[in-house]
Amino acid sequence: MACRIAGKAFRQGMQIYLQTQSVEQAKLLDSMLWSTPKASFLPHAIYPADGVSPDRLHVLVGHCDPPENWNEFLISLTEEVPQSAARFSRVADLIGGDAQQKQSGRLRFRSYRENGIEPTTHKI
C-alpha cells in the first residue's frame, strides 16, 4: 500500500519521505520499490545510506528523521508518530490489520489530534 500511495503522490509531483521502523524494513521497502512494474517505477534512494543527494530525488526511504528541507508528504510505517510529522503538509500513517497494529494506530491517532493534526481515516 505504501508503494501505491507513494506512486500516486510522485505522479502528482510531490516530494515523498517513507519513514520505516527499522533499517531492515527500509531495505525491504526499497526492494519493493525497485521491483514495481516499470510503468510505475519510482526513482528513490535509502536515506542516508545510499549517498545520493536528497536534492536530486523526490522519493526517499529511511528509518531516521528525514532531511530538514523535506516537508511535503510523509508516509509513516512506524509504531509511533515520527518527530518530524508536524512539519509535513501531508501525512499518511499506515495501520496494519492485526490487533496490536490497530492498537498502536489508535494511540498514534490520538497523538496526532493532541498535536493539532486532525486525521482523516480511509479503510482500504
N, C-alpha and C. Protein backbone atom coordinates (compact mmCIF):
# COMPACT_ATOMS: atom_id res chain seq x y z
N MET A 1 0.82 -1.18 0.00
CA MET A 1 0.00 0.00 0.00
C MET A 1 0.87 1.26 0.00
N ALA A 2 1.96 1.23 0.77
CA ALA A 2 2.85 2.39 0.81
C ALA A 2 3.42 2.69 -0.58
N CYS A 3 3.75 1.67 -1.33
CA CYS A 3 4.28 1.86 -2.68
C CYS A 3 3.22 2.50 -3.59
N ARG A 4 1.98 2.06 -3.46
CA ARG A 4 0.90 2.62 -4.29
C ARG A 4 0.66 4.09 -3.95
N ILE A 5 0.62 4.40 -2.66
CA ILE A 5 0.41 5.79 -2.23
C ILE A 5 1.56 6.67 -2.70
N ALA A 6 2.79 6.17 -2.54
CA ALA A 6 3.96 6.93 -2.98
C ALA A 6 3.93 7.15 -4.49
N GLY A 7 3.53 6.14 -5.23
CA GLY A 7 3.44 6.27 -6.69
C GLY A 7 2.46 7.34 -7.11
N LYS A 8 1.31 7.36 -6.47
CA LYS A 8 0.30 8.38 -6.78
C LYS A 8 0.82 9.77 -6.45
N ALA A 9 1.43 9.93 -5.29
CA ALA A 9 1.97 11.23 -4.89
C ALA A 9 3.11 11.66 -5.82
N PHE A 10 3.93 10.72 -6.24
CA PHE A 10 5.04 11.02 -7.15
C PHE A 10 4.50 11.55 -8.48
N ARG A 11 3.47 10.90 -9.00
CA ARG A 11 2.87 11.34 -10.26
C ARG A 11 2.25 12.73 -10.13
N GLN A 12 1.92 13.14 -8.90
CA GLN A 12 1.40 14.49 -8.66
C GLN A 12 2.52 15.49 -8.41
N GLY A 13 3.77 15.03 -8.50
CA GLY A 13 4.92 15.91 -8.36
C GLY A 13 5.34 16.20 -6.93
N MET A 14 4.87 15.38 -5.99
CA MET A 14 5.18 15.62 -4.59
C MET A 14 6.54 15.03 -4.20
N GLN A 15 7.12 15.61 -3.18
CA GLN A 15 8.35 15.12 -2.56
C GLN A 15 7.89 14.20 -1.42
N ILE A 16 8.36 12.93 -1.42
CA ILE A 16 7.84 11.92 -0.50
C ILE A 16 8.95 11.32 0.35
N TYR A 17 8.68 11.22 1.64
CA TYR A 17 9.60 10.51 2.54
C TYR A 17 8.82 9.35 3.15
N LEU A 18 9.29 8.13 2.92
CA LEU A 18 8.70 6.94 3.51
C LEU A 18 9.53 6.57 4.73
N GLN A 19 8.96 6.77 5.92
CA GLN A 19 9.71 6.50 7.15
C GLN A 19 9.32 5.14 7.70
N THR A 20 10.32 4.31 7.90
CA THR A 20 10.12 2.95 8.38
C THR A 20 10.54 2.82 9.84
N GLN A 21 10.20 1.69 10.41
CA GLN A 21 10.51 1.43 11.81
C GLN A 21 11.98 1.04 12.02
N SER A 22 12.58 0.43 11.00
CA SER A 22 13.93 -0.10 11.17
C SER A 22 14.70 -0.08 9.85
N VAL A 23 16.00 -0.31 9.94
CA VAL A 23 16.85 -0.42 8.75
C VAL A 23 16.36 -1.58 7.88
N GLU A 24 16.02 -2.69 8.51
CA GLU A 24 15.56 -3.87 7.77
C GLU A 24 14.28 -3.56 7.00
N GLN A 25 13.36 -2.86 7.63
CA GLN A 25 12.11 -2.51 6.97
C GLN A 25 12.38 -1.54 5.81
N ALA A 26 13.32 -0.61 6.00
CA ALA A 26 13.68 0.31 4.92
C ALA A 26 14.25 -0.45 3.73
N LYS A 27 15.09 -1.44 3.99
CA LYS A 27 15.66 -2.25 2.91
C LYS A 27 14.58 -3.05 2.19
N LEU A 28 13.62 -3.59 2.93
CA LEU A 28 12.52 -4.34 2.33
C LEU A 28 11.68 -3.42 1.44
N LEU A 29 11.35 -2.25 1.94
CA LEU A 29 10.56 -1.30 1.15
C LEU A 29 11.34 -0.85 -0.08
N ASP A 30 12.63 -0.63 0.06
CA ASP A 30 13.50 -0.28 -1.06
C ASP A 30 13.41 -1.37 -2.13
N SER A 31 13.50 -2.61 -1.71
CA SER A 31 13.41 -3.73 -2.65
C SER A 31 12.05 -3.76 -3.35
N MET A 32 11.00 -3.50 -2.59
CA MET A 32 9.65 -3.48 -3.18
C MET A 32 9.52 -2.36 -4.21
N LEU A 33 10.10 -1.20 -3.91
CA LEU A 33 10.03 -0.09 -4.85
C LEU A 33 10.81 -0.37 -6.13
N TRP A 34 11.92 -1.11 -6.02
CA TRP A 34 12.70 -1.47 -7.21
C TRP A 34 11.99 -2.51 -8.05
N SER A 35 11.13 -3.32 -7.44
CA SER A 35 10.50 -4.41 -8.18
C SER A 35 9.12 -4.07 -8.72
N THR A 36 8.70 -2.83 -8.59
CA THR A 36 7.40 -2.45 -9.15
C THR A 36 7.50 -2.43 -10.66
N PRO A 37 6.38 -2.57 -11.34
CA PRO A 37 6.42 -2.53 -12.81
C PRO A 37 7.06 -1.24 -13.32
N LYS A 38 7.76 -1.34 -14.43
CA LYS A 38 8.49 -0.19 -14.96
C LYS A 38 7.59 1.02 -15.21
N ALA A 39 6.35 0.78 -15.55
CA ALA A 39 5.44 1.90 -15.82
C ALA A 39 5.19 2.74 -14.57
N SER A 40 5.38 2.14 -13.41
CA SER A 40 5.14 2.90 -12.18
C SER A 40 6.40 3.00 -11.32
N PHE A 41 7.57 2.82 -11.93
CA PHE A 41 8.83 2.88 -11.20
C PHE A 41 9.01 4.23 -10.52
N LEU A 42 9.48 4.21 -9.29
CA LEU A 42 9.74 5.44 -8.54
C LEU A 42 11.25 5.58 -8.32
N PRO A 43 11.88 6.56 -8.93
CA PRO A 43 13.29 6.78 -8.64
C PRO A 43 13.43 7.20 -7.18
N HIS A 44 14.20 6.46 -6.43
CA HIS A 44 14.28 6.68 -4.99
C HIS A 44 15.65 6.25 -4.46
N ALA A 45 15.86 6.54 -3.19
CA ALA A 45 17.09 6.11 -2.53
C ALA A 45 16.79 5.89 -1.06
N ILE A 46 17.63 5.07 -0.43
CA ILE A 46 17.56 4.92 1.02
C ILE A 46 18.30 6.11 1.63
N TYR A 47 17.70 6.71 2.61
CA TYR A 47 18.31 7.85 3.28
C TYR A 47 18.74 7.44 4.67
N PRO A 48 19.96 7.74 5.07
CA PRO A 48 21.02 8.44 4.36
C PRO A 48 22.03 7.50 3.71
N ALA A 49 21.80 6.21 3.70
CA ALA A 49 22.81 5.22 3.32
C ALA A 49 23.26 5.26 1.87
N ASP A 50 22.41 5.61 0.92
CA ASP A 50 22.78 5.50 -0.48
C ASP A 50 23.77 6.55 -0.94
N GLY A 51 23.99 7.58 -0.17
CA GLY A 51 24.96 8.60 -0.54
C GLY A 51 24.50 9.49 -1.68
N VAL A 52 23.22 9.42 -2.03
CA VAL A 52 22.67 10.27 -3.08
C VAL A 52 22.16 11.55 -2.44
N SER A 53 22.40 12.67 -3.06
CA SER A 53 21.92 13.93 -2.52
C SER A 53 20.39 13.94 -2.52
N PRO A 54 19.76 14.21 -1.38
CA PRO A 54 18.30 14.25 -1.32
C PRO A 54 17.71 15.31 -2.26
N ASP A 55 18.51 16.29 -2.64
CA ASP A 55 18.02 17.35 -3.52
C ASP A 55 17.80 16.86 -4.95
N ARG A 56 18.32 15.69 -5.29
CA ARG A 56 18.21 15.18 -6.66
C ARG A 56 17.04 14.22 -6.84
N LEU A 57 16.35 13.88 -5.76
CA LEU A 57 15.26 12.90 -5.82
C LEU A 57 13.97 13.47 -5.25
N HIS A 58 12.88 12.78 -5.56
CA HIS A 58 11.58 13.14 -4.98
C HIS A 58 11.08 12.08 -4.01
N VAL A 59 11.78 10.95 -3.93
CA VAL A 59 11.34 9.87 -3.05
C VAL A 59 12.54 9.34 -2.26
N LEU A 60 12.42 9.37 -0.94
CA LEU A 60 13.43 8.80 -0.05
C LEU A 60 12.77 7.82 0.90
N VAL A 61 13.52 6.77 1.24
CA VAL A 61 13.08 5.77 2.22
C VAL A 61 14.09 5.78 3.34
N GLY A 62 13.63 5.88 4.59
CA GLY A 62 14.57 5.87 5.69
C GLY A 62 13.93 5.50 7.01
N HIS A 63 14.78 5.13 7.95
CA HIS A 63 14.30 4.76 9.29
C HIS A 63 14.56 5.87 10.31
N CYS A 64 15.19 6.96 9.86
CA CYS A 64 15.50 8.08 10.75
C CYS A 64 14.71 9.30 10.28
N ASP A 65 14.90 10.41 10.99
CA ASP A 65 14.23 11.63 10.57
C ASP A 65 14.66 12.02 9.16
N PRO A 66 13.74 12.57 8.38
CA PRO A 66 14.07 12.97 7.01
C PRO A 66 14.96 14.20 6.99
N PRO A 67 15.53 14.52 5.82
CA PRO A 67 16.31 15.75 5.72
C PRO A 67 15.46 16.95 6.14
N GLU A 68 16.10 17.95 6.70
CA GLU A 68 15.37 19.10 7.24
C GLU A 68 14.51 19.82 6.22
N ASN A 69 14.93 19.87 4.97
CA ASN A 69 14.16 20.60 3.97
C ASN A 69 13.06 19.76 3.33
N TRP A 70 12.84 18.55 3.80
CA TRP A 70 11.77 17.70 3.29
C TRP A 70 10.55 17.91 4.19
N ASN A 71 9.45 18.41 3.60
CA ASN A 71 8.27 18.70 4.41
C ASN A 71 6.96 18.59 3.65
N GLU A 72 6.97 17.90 2.51
CA GLU A 72 5.75 17.84 1.71
C GLU A 72 4.84 16.66 2.07
N PHE A 73 5.34 15.42 1.91
CA PHE A 73 4.48 14.25 2.15
C PHE A 73 5.27 13.17 2.88
N LEU A 74 4.78 12.81 4.04
CA LEU A 74 5.38 11.75 4.86
C LEU A 74 4.47 10.54 4.83
N ILE A 75 5.03 9.39 4.49
CA ILE A 75 4.31 8.12 4.61
C ILE A 75 4.98 7.37 5.75
N SER A 76 4.24 7.22 6.84
CA SER A 76 4.82 6.62 8.04
C SER A 76 4.43 5.16 8.18
N LEU A 77 5.44 4.34 8.38
CA LEU A 77 5.25 2.92 8.66
C LEU A 77 5.81 2.60 10.05
N THR A 78 5.81 3.60 10.91
CA THR A 78 6.41 3.47 12.23
C THR A 78 5.36 3.14 13.29
N GLU A 79 5.84 2.69 14.45
CA GLU A 79 4.95 2.33 15.55
C GLU A 79 4.56 3.53 16.40
N GLU A 80 5.30 4.63 16.25
CA GLU A 80 5.00 5.87 16.97
C GLU A 80 4.96 7.00 15.96
N VAL A 81 4.34 8.12 16.34
CA VAL A 81 4.31 9.28 15.46
C VAL A 81 5.73 9.79 15.27
N PRO A 82 6.20 9.91 14.03
CA PRO A 82 7.54 10.44 13.81
C PRO A 82 7.65 11.86 14.35
N GLN A 83 8.79 12.19 14.93
CA GLN A 83 9.00 13.52 15.49
C GLN A 83 8.82 14.62 14.45
N SER A 84 9.12 14.33 13.22
CA SER A 84 9.05 15.33 12.16
C SER A 84 7.66 15.46 11.53
N ALA A 85 6.69 14.68 11.95
CA ALA A 85 5.38 14.64 11.29
C ALA A 85 4.71 16.01 11.19
N ALA A 86 4.81 16.82 12.22
CA ALA A 86 4.11 18.10 12.24
C ALA A 86 4.59 19.08 11.17
N ARG A 87 5.80 18.91 10.67
CA ARG A 87 6.30 19.85 9.67
C ARG A 87 5.86 19.51 8.24
N PHE A 88 5.26 18.35 8.04
CA PHE A 88 4.83 17.92 6.72
C PHE A 88 3.44 18.45 6.38
N SER A 89 3.24 18.78 5.10
CA SER A 89 1.93 19.23 4.63
C SER A 89 0.91 18.09 4.66
N ARG A 90 1.37 16.88 4.34
CA ARG A 90 0.51 15.69 4.34
C ARG A 90 1.23 14.54 5.02
N VAL A 91 0.45 13.75 5.75
CA VAL A 91 0.99 12.56 6.41
C VAL A 91 0.03 11.40 6.15
N ALA A 92 0.57 10.29 5.68
CA ALA A 92 -0.19 9.05 5.58
C ALA A 92 0.42 8.11 6.59
N ASP A 93 -0.36 7.71 7.56
CA ASP A 93 0.11 6.81 8.62
C ASP A 93 -0.61 5.49 8.40
N LEU A 94 0.13 4.49 7.95
CA LEU A 94 -0.48 3.21 7.60
C LEU A 94 -0.58 2.30 8.81
N ILE A 95 -1.74 1.68 8.95
CA ILE A 95 -2.02 0.81 10.09
C ILE A 95 -2.35 -0.58 9.57
N GLY A 96 -1.65 -1.57 10.09
CA GLY A 96 -1.88 -2.96 9.71
C GLY A 96 -3.19 -3.50 10.27
N GLY A 97 -3.49 -4.74 9.95
CA GLY A 97 -4.77 -5.32 10.31
C GLY A 97 -4.82 -6.12 11.59
N ASP A 98 -3.67 -6.46 12.19
CA ASP A 98 -3.75 -7.27 13.41
C ASP A 98 -4.05 -6.39 14.63
N ALA A 99 -4.44 -7.02 15.72
CA ALA A 99 -4.89 -6.29 16.92
C ALA A 99 -3.83 -5.34 17.47
N GLN A 100 -2.57 -5.78 17.53
CA GLN A 100 -1.50 -4.94 18.06
C GLN A 100 -1.28 -3.71 17.17
N GLN A 101 -1.30 -3.90 15.86
CA GLN A 101 -1.11 -2.79 14.94
C GLN A 101 -2.27 -1.80 15.02
N LYS A 102 -3.48 -2.31 15.19
CA LYS A 102 -4.64 -1.43 15.33
C LYS A 102 -4.55 -0.62 16.62
N GLN A 103 -4.14 -1.24 17.71
CA GLN A 103 -3.99 -0.53 18.97
C GLN A 103 -2.92 0.56 18.86
N SER A 104 -1.81 0.23 18.25
CA SER A 104 -0.74 1.21 18.04
C SER A 104 -1.25 2.36 17.17
N GLY A 105 -2.05 2.04 16.17
CA GLY A 105 -2.62 3.06 15.29
C GLY A 105 -3.57 3.99 16.04
N ARG A 106 -4.35 3.44 16.95
CA ARG A 106 -5.26 4.27 17.76
C ARG A 106 -4.47 5.25 18.63
N LEU A 107 -3.37 4.78 19.19
CA LEU A 107 -2.53 5.66 20.01
C LEU A 107 -1.93 6.78 19.16
N ARG A 108 -1.49 6.46 17.95
CA ARG A 108 -0.94 7.48 17.06
C ARG A 108 -2.03 8.47 16.65
N PHE A 109 -3.23 7.97 16.38
CA PHE A 109 -4.37 8.82 16.02
C PHE A 109 -4.60 9.86 17.11
N ARG A 110 -4.63 9.40 18.36
CA ARG A 110 -4.82 10.32 19.50
C ARG A 110 -3.68 11.32 19.58
N SER A 111 -2.47 10.86 19.37
CA SER A 111 -1.31 11.74 19.43
C SER A 111 -1.37 12.82 18.36
N TYR A 112 -1.78 12.45 17.15
CA TYR A 112 -1.93 13.44 16.09
C TYR A 112 -2.93 14.51 16.54
N ARG A 113 -4.07 14.08 17.05
CA ARG A 113 -5.10 15.02 17.50
C ARG A 113 -4.59 15.93 18.61
N GLU A 114 -3.89 15.34 19.57
CA GLU A 114 -3.35 16.13 20.68
C GLU A 114 -2.35 17.18 20.21
N ASN A 115 -1.74 16.94 19.05
CA ASN A 115 -0.76 17.88 18.50
C ASN A 115 -1.36 18.78 17.42
N GLY A 116 -2.69 18.86 17.38
CA GLY A 116 -3.36 19.78 16.47
C GLY A 116 -3.50 19.32 15.05
N ILE A 117 -3.25 18.05 14.80
CA ILE A 117 -3.40 17.49 13.45
C ILE A 117 -4.69 16.66 13.45
N GLU A 118 -5.64 17.04 12.61
CA GLU A 118 -6.92 16.32 12.56
C GLU A 118 -6.85 15.23 11.49
N PRO A 119 -6.70 13.97 11.91
CA PRO A 119 -6.58 12.87 10.94
C PRO A 119 -7.89 12.58 10.21
N THR A 120 -7.76 12.15 8.98
CA THR A 120 -8.86 11.63 8.20
C THR A 120 -8.54 10.16 7.97
N THR A 121 -9.51 9.30 8.23
CA THR A 121 -9.25 7.87 8.07
C THR A 121 -9.83 7.34 6.76
N HIS A 122 -9.14 6.35 6.22
CA HIS A 122 -9.57 5.67 4.99
C HIS A 122 -9.39 4.18 5.22
N LYS A 123 -10.46 3.41 5.11
CA LYS A 123 -10.34 1.96 5.23
C LYS A 123 -10.07 1.39 3.84
N ILE A 124 -9.02 0.60 3.78
CA ILE A 124 -8.63 0.04 2.48
C ILE A 124 -8.67 -1.47 2.57
